[in-house]
Protein backbone atom coordinates (compact mmCIF):
# COMPACT_ATOMS: atom_id res chain seq x y z
CA MET A 1 60.92 -19.61 -36.22
CA ARG A 2 59.82 -19.55 -39.87
CA LYS A 3 56.50 -17.88 -40.63
CA ALA A 4 53.85 -20.17 -42.13
CA LEU A 5 53.62 -19.71 -45.88
CA ASP A 6 50.43 -18.83 -47.69
CA ARG A 7 50.24 -21.44 -50.45
CA SER A 8 47.82 -19.48 -52.60
CA PRO A 9 49.05 -17.59 -55.66
CA GLU A 10 47.82 -14.41 -53.95
CA GLY A 11 50.07 -14.99 -50.90
CA ASP A 12 52.72 -12.69 -49.50
CA PHE A 13 55.73 -12.59 -51.82
CA ALA A 14 57.49 -9.69 -50.09
CA GLY A 15 60.23 -12.07 -48.90
CA VAL A 16 61.19 -13.04 -52.45
CA PRO A 17 64.25 -11.07 -53.59
CA GLY A 18 63.45 -8.73 -56.48
CA ALA A 19 65.96 -10.31 -58.87
CA LEU A 20 64.56 -13.79 -58.19
CA MET A 21 60.97 -12.61 -58.70
CA ALA A 22 62.03 -10.92 -61.95
CA HIS A 23 63.65 -14.17 -63.10
CA ALA A 24 60.45 -16.12 -62.29
CA LEU A 25 58.33 -13.54 -64.14
CA ASP A 26 60.65 -13.71 -67.14
CA THR A 27 60.59 -17.52 -67.10
CA PHE A 28 56.81 -17.93 -66.78
CA GLY A 29 55.62 -14.82 -68.58
CA ASN A 30 53.16 -13.48 -66.02
CA ASP A 31 52.68 -12.81 -62.33
CA ARG A 32 50.07 -15.51 -61.73
CA LYS A 33 52.16 -18.34 -63.22
CA ALA A 34 55.34 -17.17 -61.49
CA LYS A 35 53.66 -16.99 -58.09
CA SER A 36 51.96 -20.35 -58.62
CA TRP A 37 55.34 -21.93 -59.41
CA LEU A 38 56.89 -20.36 -56.32
CA VAL A 39 54.36 -22.00 -53.97
CA THR A 40 54.23 -25.43 -55.64
CA PRO A 41 56.45 -28.21 -54.28
CA ASN A 42 59.21 -28.88 -56.81
CA PRO A 43 60.94 -32.25 -57.33
CA ALA A 44 64.21 -30.48 -58.24
CA LEU A 45 64.15 -28.89 -54.77
CA ASP A 46 63.45 -32.10 -52.83
CA ASN A 47 59.70 -31.47 -53.19
CA ARG A 48 59.96 -28.18 -51.33
CA PRO A 49 58.17 -25.10 -52.67
CA PRO A 50 60.66 -22.55 -54.00
CA ILE A 51 59.25 -19.80 -51.78
CA GLY A 52 60.23 -21.84 -48.74
CA LEU A 53 63.91 -21.52 -49.66
CA VAL A 54 64.22 -17.78 -50.25
CA ASP A 55 65.15 -16.92 -46.67
CA THR A 56 68.80 -17.93 -47.22
CA ALA A 57 71.37 -17.05 -49.88
CA GLU A 58 71.90 -20.75 -50.63
CA GLY A 59 68.15 -21.26 -51.08
CA VAL A 60 67.88 -18.29 -53.43
CA ARG A 61 70.78 -19.72 -55.47
CA GLU A 62 69.08 -23.15 -55.66
CA VAL A 63 65.78 -21.63 -56.82
CA ASP A 64 67.56 -19.42 -59.36
CA GLU A 65 69.38 -22.47 -60.75
CA VAL A 66 66.10 -24.33 -61.23
CA LEU A 67 64.64 -21.33 -63.04
CA THR A 68 67.70 -21.23 -65.29
CA ARG A 69 67.27 -24.93 -66.08
CA ILE A 70 63.64 -24.27 -66.99
CA ASP A 71 64.75 -21.36 -69.19
CA TYR A 72 67.00 -23.72 -71.12
CA GLY A 73 64.51 -26.59 -71.24
CA MET A 74 66.49 -28.75 -68.81
CA PHE A 75 63.80 -30.15 -66.54
CA SER A 76 65.17 -32.12 -63.63
């Protein structure tokens, strides 16, 4: 059973792989913005928050792809 997620920017981000967190930090420029993005439902992820997908390799790949699109200005 999946643990309930803390939706606040101060929530537990220990489950986020280091490389993915680094990508989010690089994309958004600071910890607060990166964490806020991770807990906010995202239309490119079927309105799921990115942090809710990081428990599988496929989910991590999906989130990383969205970050890459943001990096290149391709909002979907």
